[in-house]
């Protein structure tokens, strides 16, 4: 079952956040034939010219996806669909299982859902059914997988979400005094990990395994101290948030069927900071030959944004 070397890779959802770094590292490896499966082939073809190939995909149709995967004779499928799109992900997994013999990198990026407290809290409500689906297919011998947990997308969060500290001009929401440590990964680190997982899955024993990959372990207080050191002329305001106080109202809304961004943010804050589950219990960096960022590299990353912030 998917025991030979991987050469032909299908990537579903290349137009999202993780598409560029992952495709970059797969191309850099110079041993993969890459085909992009996407709802918007024109955009993908413009973004990723030859040697990548592009095919229009209907994520709502398992028969369509099965036909594409079978015709391409792929060895592996990398799913980059947003985790909120549960049906699209499970359809891709079902298509891979129908073809048989594919090694799948599921859309498990981000925070791990393995800890029982996280499952009870429901902070990653859309991640669990997909995880259960690919685990069942693997147990049935219809696919193999390597699931890669990466923690918070470090540089993406600094640029887009103002997390774990706000470099966008507003105050930082300082959760539980900002002392809780988190595992974080840059987008480039995620691309590295995917490429290694496909290139060396047999050699490193990565088949049917969850990996924990990070660029660094940081706290909000630590990052704020670095930012103030690097930009002493700026004021980095904070607003204290006790995650225990926001958990109850969020859970009440969840019980009523409300699963919007406000609920998810509150539950993720409690999950990551209040319960300390944003910090991986182990790191698999050494297995993959990856190193954590140094203090100077973290400062360099933060300092790169100051010229762009109002």
C-alpha atoms as a PDB file:
ATOM      1  CA  UNK A   1       0.000   0.000   0.000  1.00  0.00           C
ATOM      2  CA  UNK A   2       1.725   3.173  -1.249  1.00  0.00           C
ATOM      3  CA  UNK A   3       5.126   1.710  -0.431  1.00  0.00           C
ATOM      4  CA  UNK A   4       7.062   2.954  -3.458  1.00  0.00           C
ATOM      5  CA  UNK A   5       8.680   6.359  -3.855  1.00  0.00           C
ATOM      6  CA  UNK A   6       6.325   9.245  -4.465  1.00  0.00           C
ATOM      7  CA  UNK A   7       6.777  11.064  -7.764  1.00  0.00           C
ATOM      8  CA  UNK A   8       3.309  12.173  -8.919  1.00  0.00           C
ATOM      9  CA  UNK A   9       1.571  14.535  -6.506  1.00  0.00           C
ATOM     10  CA  UNK A  10      -1.910  16.043  -6.701  1.00  0.00           C
ATOM     11  CA  UNK A  11      -2.492  19.192  -4.645  1.00  0.00           C
ATOM     12  CA  UNK A  12      -6.086  20.139  -3.842  1.00  0.00           C
ATOM     13  CA  UNK A  13      -6.694  23.761  -2.904  1.00  0.00           C
ATOM     14  CA  UNK A  14      -3.465  25.397  -4.111  1.00  0.00           C
ATOM     15  CA  UNK A  15      -4.853  28.936  -4.123  1.00  0.00           C
ATOM     16  CA  UNK A  16      -4.970  29.262  -0.346  1.00  0.00           C
ATOM     17  CA  UNK A  17      -2.432  30.336   2.275  1.00  0.00           C
ATOM     18  CA  UNK A  18      -0.357  27.142   2.245  1.00  0.00           C
ATOM     19  CA  UNK A  19      -0.223  26.683  -1.523  1.00  0.00           C
ATOM     20  CA  UNK A  20       2.813  28.906  -2.252  1.00  0.00           C
ATOM     21  CA  UNK A  21       5.231  27.576   0.407  1.00  0.00           C
ATOM     22  CA  UNK A  22       4.323  23.935  -0.128  1.00  0.00           C
ATOM     23  CA  UNK A  23       4.497  24.085  -3.914  1.00  0.00           C
ATOM     24  CA  UNK A  24       7.776  26.027  -3.653  1.00  0.00           C
ATOM     25  CA  UNK A  25       9.396  23.285  -1.592  1.00  0.00           C
ATOM     26  CA  UNK A  26       8.014  20.475  -3.748  1.00  0.00           C
ATOM     27  CA  UNK A  27       9.427  22.159  -6.853  1.00  0.00           C
ATOM     28  CA  UNK A  28      12.703  22.798  -5.011  1.00  0.00           C
ATOM     29  CA  UNK A  29      13.010  19.060  -4.363  1.00  0.00           C
ATOM     30  CA  UNK A  30      13.101  18.628  -8.166  1.00  0.00           C
ATOM     31  CA  UNK A  31      11.664  15.107  -8.058  1.00  0.00           C
ATOM     32  CA  UNK A  32       7.903  15.614  -8.055  1.00  0.00           C
ATOM     33  CA  UNK A  33       5.465  15.842 -10.969  1.00  0.00           C
ATOM     34  CA  UNK A  34       2.854  18.257  -9.582  1.00  0.00           C
ATOM     35  CA  UNK A  35      -0.773  18.670 -10.654  1.00  0.00           C
ATOM     36  CA  UNK A  36      -3.065  21.221  -9.034  1.00  0.00           C
ATOM     37  CA  UNK A  37      -6.728  20.354  -8.484  1.00  0.00           C
ATOM     38  CA  UNK A  38      -8.726  23.537  -8.083  1.00  0.00           C
ATOM     39  CA  UNK A  39     -12.068  25.259  -8.537  1.00  0.00           C
ATOM     40  CA  UNK A  40     -10.215  28.148 -10.197  1.00  0.00           C
ATOM     41  CA  UNK A  41      -7.752  26.637 -12.706  1.00  0.00           C
ATOM     42  CA  UNK A  42      -7.114  29.988 -14.409  1.00  0.00           C
ATOM     43  CA  UNK A  43      -5.888  31.554 -11.186  1.00  0.00           C
ATOM     44  CA  UNK A  44      -3.775  28.525 -10.318  1.00  0.00           C
ATOM     45  CA  UNK A  45      -2.218  28.355 -13.775  1.00  0.00           C
ATOM     46  CA  UNK A  46      -1.297  32.032 -13.593  1.00  0.00           C
ATOM     47  CA  UNK A  47       0.172  31.685 -10.112  1.00  0.00           C
ATOM     48  CA  UNK A  48       1.992  28.415 -10.749  1.00  0.00           C
ATOM     49  CA  UNK A  49       3.229  28.179 -14.349  1.00  0.00           C
ATOM     50  CA  UNK A  50       4.891  25.136 -15.894  1.00  0.00           C
ATOM     51  CA  UNK A  51       6.153  22.654 -14.862  1.00  0.00           C
ATOM     52  CA  UNK A  52       3.060  22.433 -12.656  1.00  0.00           C
ATOM     53  CA  UNK A  53      -0.134  21.285 -14.342  1.00  0.00           C
ATOM     54  CA  UNK A  54      -3.656  22.406 -13.460  1.00  0.00           C
ATOM     55  CA  UNK A  55      -7.016  20.634 -13.565  1.00  0.00           C
ATOM     56  CA  UNK A  56     -10.515  21.909 -12.777  1.00  0.00           C
ATOM     57  CA  UNK A  57     -11.978  19.990  -9.839  1.00  0.00           C
ATOM     58  CA  UNK A  58     -15.485  19.761  -8.424  1.00  0.00           C
ATOM     59  CA  UNK A  59     -15.001  19.238  -4.682  1.00  0.00           C
ATOM     60  CA  UNK A  60     -18.708  18.490  -4.295  1.00  0.00           C
ATOM     61  CA  UNK A  61     -18.470  15.401  -6.521  1.00  0.00           C
ATOM     62  CA  UNK A  62     -16.681  12.246  -5.390  1.00  0.00           C
ATOM     63  CA  UNK A  63     -17.033  10.711  -8.903  1.00  0.00           C
ATOM     64  CA  UNK A  64     -15.379  13.778 -10.476  1.00  0.00           C
ATOM     65  CA  UNK A  65     -12.527  13.722  -7.990  1.00  0.00           C
ATOM     66  CA  UNK A  66     -12.105   9.963  -8.356  1.00  0.00           C
ATOM     67  CA  UNK A  67     -11.866  10.305 -12.134  1.00  0.00           C
ATOM     68  CA  UNK A  68      -9.207  13.019 -11.822  1.00  0.00           C
ATOM     69  CA  UNK A  69      -7.113  11.073  -9.318  1.00  0.00           C
ATOM     70  CA  UNK A  70      -7.366   7.812 -11.256  1.00  0.00           C
ATOM     71  CA  UNK A  71      -6.546   9.435 -14.609  1.00  0.00           C
ATOM     72  CA  UNK A  72      -3.515  11.168 -13.132  1.00  0.00           C
ATOM     73  CA  UNK A  73      -2.110   7.934 -11.689  1.00  0.00           C
ATOM     74  CA  UNK A  74      -0.987   9.897  -8.628  1.00  0.00           C
ATOM     75  CA  UNK A  75       1.075   8.513  -5.786  1.00  0.00           C
ATOM     76  CA  UNK A  76       0.067  11.184  -3.277  1.00  0.00           C
ATOM     77  CA  UNK A  77      -2.644  13.723  -2.546  1.00  0.00           C
ATOM     78  CA  UNK A  78      -1.964  16.886  -0.537  1.00  0.00           C
ATOM     79  CA  UNK A  79      -5.167  18.513   0.753  1.00  0.00           C
ATOM     80  CA  UNK A  80      -4.917  22.245   1.418  1.00  0.00           C
ATOM     81  CA  UNK A  81      -8.654  22.902   1.646  1.00  0.00           C
ATOM     82  CA  UNK A  82      -9.673  25.161   4.536  1.00  0.00           C
ATOM     83  CA  UNK A  83     -10.638  23.042   7.543  1.00  0.00           C
ATOM     84  CA  UNK A  84     -14.090  24.673   7.623  1.00  0.00           C
ATOM     85  CA  UNK A  85     -14.899  22.937   4.323  1.00  0.00           C
ATOM     86  CA  UNK A  86     -15.531  19.523   5.829  1.00  0.00           C
ATOM     87  CA  UNK A  87     -17.480  18.000   2.930  1.00  0.00           C
ATOM     88  CA  UNK A  88     -14.864  19.013   0.353  1.00  0.00           C
ATOM     89  CA  UNK A  89     -12.154  17.350   2.453  1.00  0.00           C
ATOM     90  CA  UNK A  90     -14.068  14.133   3.077  1.00  0.00           C
ATOM     91  CA  UNK A  91     -14.989  13.938  -0.607  1.00  0.00           C
ATOM     92  CA  UNK A  92     -11.316  14.152  -1.541  1.00  0.00           C
ATOM     93  CA  UNK A  93     -10.493  11.442   0.994  1.00  0.00           C
ATOM     94  CA  UNK A  94     -13.268   9.213  -0.373  1.00  0.00           C
ATOM     95  CA  UNK A  95     -11.979   9.728  -3.900  1.00  0.00           C
ATOM     96  CA  UNK A  96      -8.448   8.794  -2.815  1.00  0.00           C
ATOM     97  CA  UNK A  97      -9.825   5.674  -1.138  1.00  0.00           C
ATOM     98  CA  UNK A  98     -11.811   4.752  -4.261  1.00  0.00           C
ATOM     99  CA  UNK A  99      -8.651   4.919  -6.364  1.00  0.00           C
ATOM    100  CA  UNK A 100      -6.566   3.154  -3.723  1.00  0.00           C
ATOM    101  CA  UNK A 101      -2.826   3.262  -3.077  1.00  0.00           C
ATOM    102  CA  UNK A 102      -2.549   7.019  -2.467  1.00  0.00           C
ATOM    103  CA  UNK A 103      -0.568   8.554   0.357  1.00  0.00           C
ATOM    104  CA  UNK A 104      -2.484  11.543   1.739  1.00  0.00           C
ATOM    105  CA  UNK A 105      -1.287  14.660   3.514  1.00  0.00           C
ATOM    106  CA  UNK A 106      -4.630  15.758   5.029  1.00  0.00           C
ATOM    107  CA  UNK A 107      -5.481  19.314   5.984  1.00  0.00           C
ATOM    108  CA  UNK A 108      -4.405  18.767   9.599  1.00  0.00           C
ATOM    109  CA  UNK A 109      -2.160  21.807   9.748  1.00  0.00           C
ATOM    110  CA  UNK A 110      -2.458  24.058  12.765  1.00  0.00           C
ATOM    111  CA  UNK A 111      -3.238  22.960  16.289  1.00  0.00           C
ATOM    112  CA  UNK A 112      -3.454  19.305  17.269  1.00  0.00           C
ATOM    113  CA  UNK A 113      -6.769  17.796  18.275  1.00  0.00           C
ATOM    114  CA  UNK A 114      -5.336  14.674  19.906  1.00  0.00           C
ATOM    115  CA  UNK A 115      -5.619  15.862  23.503  1.00  0.00           C
ATOM    116  CA  UNK A 116      -8.954  14.773  25.093  1.00  0.00           C
ATOM    117  CA  UNK A 117      -9.500  18.225  26.612  1.00  0.00           C
ATOM    118  CA  UNK A 118      -9.386  19.786  23.172  1.00  0.00           C
ATOM    119  CA  UNK A 119     -11.996  17.367  21.864  1.00  0.00           C
ATOM    120  CA  UNK A 120     -14.283  18.082  24.811  1.00  0.00           C
ATOM    121  CA  UNK A 121     -13.942  21.829  24.397  1.00  0.00           C
ATOM    122  CA  UNK A 122     -14.882  21.748  20.722  1.00  0.00           C
ATOM    123  CA  UNK A 123     -12.361  24.411  19.781  1.00  0.00           C
ATOM    124  CA  UNK A 124     -11.582  22.620  16.542  1.00  0.00           C
ATOM    125  CA  UNK A 125     -15.084  21.430  15.803  1.00  0.00           C
ATOM    126  CA  UNK A 126     -14.536  21.097  12.043  1.00  0.00           C
ATOM    127  CA  UNK A 127     -11.219  19.273  12.326  1.00  0.00           C
ATOM    128  CA  UNK A 128     -12.362  16.219  14.251  1.00  0.00           C
ATOM    129  CA  UNK A 129     -14.771  14.679  11.678  1.00  0.00           C
ATOM    130  CA  UNK A 130     -12.155  14.921   8.943  1.00  0.00           C
ATOM    131  CA  UNK A 131      -9.538  13.354  11.199  1.00  0.00           C
ATOM    132  CA  UNK A 132     -11.892  10.507  12.083  1.00  0.00           C
ATOM    133  CA  UNK A 133     -12.599  10.001   8.389  1.00  0.00           C
ATOM    134  CA  UNK A 134      -9.009   9.605   7.220  1.00  0.00           C
ATOM    135  CA  UNK A 135      -8.146   7.440  10.228  1.00  0.00           C
ATOM    136  CA  UNK A 136     -10.988   5.072   9.354  1.00  0.00           C
ATOM    137  CA  UNK A 137      -9.928   4.876   5.703  1.00  0.00           C
ATOM    138  CA  UNK A 138      -6.353   4.148   6.767  1.00  0.00           C
ATOM    139  CA  UNK A 139      -7.503   1.428   9.166  1.00  0.00           C
ATOM    140  CA  UNK A 140      -9.386  -0.149   6.265  1.00  0.00           C
ATOM    141  CA  UNK A 141      -6.168  -0.105   4.230  1.00  0.00           C
ATOM    142  CA  UNK A 142      -7.604   2.159   1.533  1.00  0.00           C
ATOM    143  CA  UNK A 143      -5.152   5.045   1.997  1.00  0.00           C
ATOM    144  CA  UNK A 144      -2.066   5.886   4.000  1.00  0.00           C
ATOM    145  CA  UNK A 145      -1.437   9.280   5.551  1.00  0.00           C
ATOM    146  CA  UNK A 146       0.992  11.624   7.245  1.00  0.00           C
ATOM    147  CA  UNK A 147      -0.845  14.248   9.297  1.00  0.00           C
ATOM    148  CA  UNK A 148       1.242  17.344  10.053  1.00  0.00           C
ATOM    149  CA  UNK A 149       0.368  19.524  13.042  1.00  0.00           C
ATOM    150  CA  UNK A 150       2.144  22.873  12.900  1.00  0.00           C
ATOM    151  CA  UNK A 151       0.706  25.045  15.653  1.00  0.00           C
ATOM    152  CA  UNK A 152      -0.153  28.648  14.875  1.00  0.00           C
ATOM    153  CA  UNK A 153       0.929  29.877  11.415  1.00  0.00           C
ATOM    154  CA  UNK A 154       3.481  32.332  12.808  1.00  0.00           C
ATOM    155  CA  UNK A 155       4.160  34.851  10.052  1.00  0.00           C
ATOM    156  CA  UNK A 156       0.636  34.572   8.605  1.00  0.00           C
ATOM    157  CA  UNK A 157      -0.877  35.343  12.013  1.00  0.00           C
ATOM    158  CA  UNK A 158       1.391  38.344  12.583  1.00  0.00           C
ATOM    159  CA  UNK A 159       0.415  39.756   9.201  1.00  0.00           C
ATOM    160  CA  UNK A 160      -3.269  38.871   9.025  1.00  0.00           C
ATOM    161  CA  UNK A 161      -4.635  38.257  12.491  1.00  0.00           C
ATOM    162  CA  UNK A 162      -2.413  40.213  14.815  1.00  0.00           C
ATOM    163  CA  UNK A 163      -1.525  37.063  16.751  1.00  0.00           C
ATOM    164  CA  UNK A 164       0.139  36.097  18.976  1.00  0.00           C
ATOM    165  CA  UNK A 165       0.958  39.826  19.252  1.00  0.00           C
ATOM    166  CA  UNK A 166      -0.480  42.696  17.272  1.00  0.00           C
ATOM    167  CA  UNK A 167       1.944  44.409  14.900  1.00  0.00           C
ATOM    168  CA  UNK A 168      -0.927  45.917  12.909  1.00  0.00           C
ATOM    169  CA  UNK A 169      -1.324  49.040  15.035  1.00  0.00           C
ATOM    170  CA  UNK A 170      -3.937  47.951  17.568  1.00  0.00           C
ATOM    171  CA  UNK A 171      -3.645  46.451  21.051  1.00  0.00           C
ATOM    172  CA  UNK A 172      -2.608  42.847  21.684  1.00  0.00           C
ATOM    173  CA  UNK A 173      -5.219  40.664  23.356  1.00  0.00           C
ATOM    174  CA  UNK A 174      -3.025  39.382  26.176  1.00  0.00           C
ATOM    175  CA  UNK A 175      -4.445  36.018  27.160  1.00  0.00           C
ATOM    176  CA  UNK A 176      -3.899  34.829  30.746  1.00  0.00           C
ATOM    177  CA  UNK A 177      -1.144  37.406  31.340  1.00  0.00           C
ATOM    178  CA  UNK A 178       0.728  36.445  28.160  1.00  0.00           C
ATOM    179  CA  UNK A 179       2.982  33.903  29.830  1.00  0.00           C
ATOM    180  CA  UNK A 180       1.640  30.760  28.148  1.00  0.00           C
ATOM    181  CA  UNK A 181       3.978  29.230  25.558  1.00  0.00           C
ATOM    182  CA  UNK A 182       2.846  28.213  22.070  1.00  0.00           C
ATOM    183  CA  UNK A 183       4.255  26.107  19.259  1.00  0.00           C
ATOM    184  CA  UNK A 184       4.352  28.197  16.078  1.00  0.00           C
ATOM    185  CA  UNK A 185       5.450  27.510  12.500  1.00  0.00           C
ATOM    186  CA  UNK A 186       6.281  29.845   9.650  1.00  0.00           C
ATOM    187  CA  UNK A 187       4.655  29.100   6.317  1.00  0.00           C
ATOM    188  CA  UNK A 188       8.066  28.198   4.924  1.00  0.00           C
ATOM    189  CA  UNK A 189       8.567  25.637   7.696  1.00  0.00           C
ATOM    190  CA  UNK A 190       5.241  24.034   6.790  1.00  0.00           C
ATOM    191  CA  UNK A 191       6.342  23.797   3.157  1.00  0.00           C
ATOM    192  CA  UNK A 192       9.599  22.150   4.241  1.00  0.00           C
ATOM    193  CA  UNK A 193       7.771  19.612   6.387  1.00  0.00           C
ATOM    194  CA  UNK A 194       5.370  18.572   3.624  1.00  0.00           C
ATOM    195  CA  UNK A 195       8.184  18.113   1.120  1.00  0.00           C
ATOM    196  CA  UNK A 196      10.182  15.968   3.547  1.00  0.00           C
ATOM    197  CA  UNK A 197       7.104  13.932   4.498  1.00  0.00           C
ATOM    198  CA  UNK A 198       6.550  13.021   0.840  1.00  0.00           C
ATOM    199  CA  UNK A 199      10.185  12.591  -0.098  1.00  0.00           C
ATOM    200  CA  UNK A 200      11.230  10.453   2.877  1.00  0.00           C
ATOM    201  CA  UNK A 201       8.033   8.901   4.212  1.00  0.00           C
ATOM    202  CA  UNK A 202       9.360   5.322   4.184  1.00  0.00           C
ATOM    203  CA  UNK A 203      12.903   6.136   5.254  1.00  0.00           C
ATOM    204  CA  UNK A 204      11.774   8.157   8.267  1.00  0.00           C
ATOM    205  CA  UNK A 205       8.810   5.964   9.190  1.00  0.00           C
ATOM    206  CA  UNK A 206       6.196   8.638   8.515  1.00  0.00           C
ATOM    207  CA  UNK A 207       3.424   6.390   7.181  1.00  0.00           C
ATOM    208  CA  UNK A 208       0.156   6.545   9.156  1.00  0.00           C
ATOM    209  CA  UNK A 209       1.638   8.926  11.665  1.00  0.00           C
ATOM    210  CA  UNK A 210       0.922  12.321  13.199  1.00  0.00           C
ATOM    211  CA  UNK A 211       3.874  14.705  13.053  1.00  0.00           C
ATOM    212  CA  UNK A 212       4.427  17.717  15.286  1.00  0.00           C
ATOM    213  CA  UNK A 213       6.440  20.402  13.545  1.00  0.00           C
ATOM    214  CA  UNK A 214       7.319  23.891  14.750  1.00  0.00           C
ATOM    215  CA  UNK A 215       9.557  26.831  13.993  1.00  0.00           C
ATOM    216  CA  UNK A 216       9.713  28.014  17.597  1.00  0.00           C
ATOM    217  CA  UNK A 217       8.096  27.974  21.009  1.00  0.00           C
ATOM    218  CA  UNK A 218       7.105  31.493  22.085  1.00  0.00           C
ATOM    219  CA  UNK A 219       4.924  33.386  24.533  1.00  0.00           C
ATOM    220  CA  UNK A 220       3.085  36.649  24.016  1.00  0.00           C
ATOM    221  CA  UNK A 221       5.128  38.296  26.774  1.00  0.00           C
ATOM    222  CA  UNK A 222       8.375  37.191  25.143  1.00  0.00           C
ATOM    223  CA  UNK A 223       7.359  38.513  21.728  1.00  0.00           C
ATOM    224  CA  UNK A 224       6.171  41.818  23.165  1.00  0.00           C
ATOM    225  CA  UNK A 225       9.529  42.233  24.910  1.00  0.00           C
ATOM    226  CA  UNK A 226      11.322  41.627  21.607  1.00  0.00           C
ATOM    227  CA  UNK A 227       9.048  44.078  19.776  1.00  0.00           C
ATOM    228  CA  UNK A 228       9.606  46.813  22.351  1.00  0.00           C
ATOM    229  CA  UNK A 229      13.333  46.244  22.147  1.00  0.00           C
ATOM    230  CA  UNK A 230      13.310  46.433  18.358  1.00  0.00           C
ATOM    231  CA  UNK A 231      10.956  49.418  18.087  1.00  0.00           C
ATOM    232  CA  UNK A 232      11.268  51.454  21.329  1.00  0.00           C
ATOM    233  CA  UNK A 233       9.567  54.431  19.701  1.00  0.00           C
ATOM    234  CA  UNK A 234       6.320  52.485  19.303  1.00  0.00           C
ATOM    235  CA  UNK A 235       3.696  51.814  21.957  1.00  0.00           C
ATOM    236  CA  UNK A 236       2.548  48.195  22.073  1.00  0.00           C
ATOM    237  CA  UNK A 237      -0.708  48.344  23.998  1.00  0.00           C
ATOM    238  CA  UNK A 238      -2.317  45.274  25.548  1.00  0.00           C
ATOM    239  CA  UNK A 239      -5.779  44.305  26.751  1.00  0.00           C
ATOM    240  CA  UNK A 240      -5.846  41.542  29.348  1.00  0.00           C
ATOM    241  CA  UNK A 241      -8.191  38.620  28.732  1.00  0.00           C
ATOM    242  CA  UNK A 242      -8.953  35.860  31.214  1.00  0.00           C
ATOM    243  CA  UNK A 243      -9.747  32.878  28.987  1.00  0.00           C
ATOM    244  CA  UNK A 244     -11.768  31.183  31.723  1.00  0.00           C
ATOM    245  CA  UNK A 245     -14.243  34.092  31.604  1.00  0.00           C
ATOM    246  CA  UNK A 246     -14.876  33.746  27.850  1.00  0.00           C
ATOM    247  CA  UNK A 247     -15.124  29.950  27.767  1.00  0.00           C
ATOM    248  CA  UNK A 248     -18.588  29.617  29.322  1.00  0.00           C
ATOM    249  CA  UNK A 249     -20.425  32.058  27.025  1.00  0.00           C
ATOM    250  CA  UNK A 250     -18.720  30.522  23.983  1.00  0.00           C
ATOM    251  CA  UNK A 251     -19.741  26.998  24.992  1.00  0.00           C
ATOM    252  CA  UNK A 252     -23.331  28.153  25.525  1.00  0.00           C
ATOM    253  CA  UNK A 253     -23.384  29.540  21.993  1.00  0.00           C
ATOM    254  CA  UNK A 254     -21.829  26.339  20.666  1.00  0.00           C
ATOM    255  CA  UNK A 255     -24.585  24.298  22.312  1.00  0.00           C
ATOM    256  CA  UNK A 256     -27.128  26.486  20.519  1.00  0.00           C
ATOM    257  CA  UNK A 257     -25.480  25.644  17.229  1.00  0.00           C
ATOM    258  CA  UNK A 258     -23.538  28.885  16.860  1.00  0.00           C
ATOM    259  CA  UNK A 259     -20.118  28.109  15.392  1.00  0.00           C
ATOM    260  CA  UNK A 260     -19.090  31.488  13.970  1.00  0.00           C
ATOM    261  CA  UNK A 261     -15.710  33.228  14.193  1.00  0.00           C
ATOM    262  CA  UNK A 262     -16.454  34.839  17.578  1.00  0.00           C
ATOM    263  CA  UNK A 263     -17.191  31.461  19.176  1.00  0.00           C
ATOM    264  CA  UNK A 264     -14.214  29.808  17.548  1.00  0.00           C
ATOM    265  CA  UNK A 265     -11.820  32.589  18.605  1.00  0.00           C
ATOM    266  CA  UNK A 266     -12.933  32.342  22.216  1.00  0.00           C
ATOM    267  CA  UNK A 267     -12.647  28.551  22.307  1.00  0.00           C
ATOM    268  CA  UNK A 268      -9.281  28.584  20.556  1.00  0.00           C
ATOM    269  CA  UNK A 269      -7.985  31.147  23.047  1.00  0.00           C
ATOM    270  CA  UNK A 270      -9.083  28.928  25.920  1.00  0.00           C
ATOM    271  CA  UNK A 271      -7.691  25.833  24.182  1.00  0.00           C
ATOM    272  CA  UNK A 272      -4.317  27.346  23.348  1.00  0.00           C
ATOM    273  CA  UNK A 273      -3.676  29.625  26.306  1.00  0.00           C
ATOM    274  CA  UNK A 274      -5.929  28.674  29.217  1.00  0.00           C
ATOM    275  CA  UNK A 275      -5.434  24.931  28.829  1.00  0.00           C
ATOM    276  CA  UNK A 276      -1.922  25.267  27.439  1.00  0.00           C
ATOM    277  CA  UNK A 277      -2.712  23.017  24.461  1.00  0.00           C
ATOM    278  CA  UNK A 278      -1.128  25.343  21.925  1.00  0.00           C
ATOM    279  CA  UNK A 279       2.222  23.928  23.049  1.00  0.00           C
ATOM    280  CA  UNK A 280       3.060  20.545  21.575  1.00  0.00           C
ATOM    281  CA  UNK A 281       3.993  17.842  24.062  1.00  0.00           C
ATOM    282  CA  UNK A 282       6.666  16.734  21.611  1.00  0.00           C
ATOM    283  CA  UNK A 283       8.385  18.060  18.515  1.00  0.00           C
ATOM    284  CA  UNK A 284       9.338  15.900  15.532  1.00  0.00           C
ATOM    285  CA  UNK A 285      11.715  18.501  14.118  1.00  0.00           C
ATOM    286  CA  UNK A 286      14.749  16.323  14.821  1.00  0.00           C
ATOM    287  CA  UNK A 287      13.271  13.389  12.912  1.00  0.00           C
ATOM    288  CA  UNK A 288      12.790  15.621   9.873  1.00  0.00           C
ATOM    289  CA  UNK A 289      16.181  17.312  10.244  1.00  0.00           C
ATOM    290  CA  UNK A 290      14.626  20.702  11.060  1.00  0.00           C
ATOM    291  CA  UNK A 291      15.857  23.225  13.634  1.00  0.00           C
ATOM    292  CA  UNK A 292      13.963  25.672  15.822  1.00  0.00           C
ATOM    293  CA  UNK A 293      14.489  29.365  15.187  1.00  0.00           C
ATOM    294  CA  UNK A 294      17.077  31.130  17.313  1.00  0.00           C
ATOM    295  CA  UNK A 295      16.204  34.190  19.371  1.00  0.00           C
ATOM    296  CA  UNK A 296      17.879  36.382  16.768  1.00  0.00           C
ATOM    297  CA  UNK A 297      15.896  34.757  13.961  1.00  0.00           C
ATOM    298  CA  UNK A 298      12.638  35.387  15.820  1.00  0.00           C
ATOM    299  CA  UNK A 299      13.622  39.016  16.339  1.00  0.00           C
ATOM    300  CA  UNK A 300      14.540  39.260  12.661  1.00  0.00           C
ATOM    301  CA  UNK A 301      11.098  37.995  11.675  1.00  0.00           C
ATOM    302  CA  UNK A 302       9.348  40.505  13.918  1.00  0.00           C
ATOM    303  CA  UNK A 303      11.575  43.373  12.861  1.00  0.00           C
ATOM    304  CA  UNK A 304      10.723  42.758   9.207  1.00  0.00           C
ATOM    305  CA  UNK A 305       7.158  43.966   9.772  1.00  0.00           C
ATOM    306  CA  UNK A 306       7.801  47.264  11.486  1.00  0.00           C
ATOM    307  CA  UNK A 307       8.439  49.188   8.289  1.00  0.00           C
ATOM    308  CA  UNK A 308       5.029  48.083   7.002  1.00  0.00           C
ATOM    309  CA  UNK A 309       3.003  49.007  10.068  1.00  0.00           C
ATOM    310  CA  UNK A 310       1.318  52.383  10.444  1.00  0.00           C
END
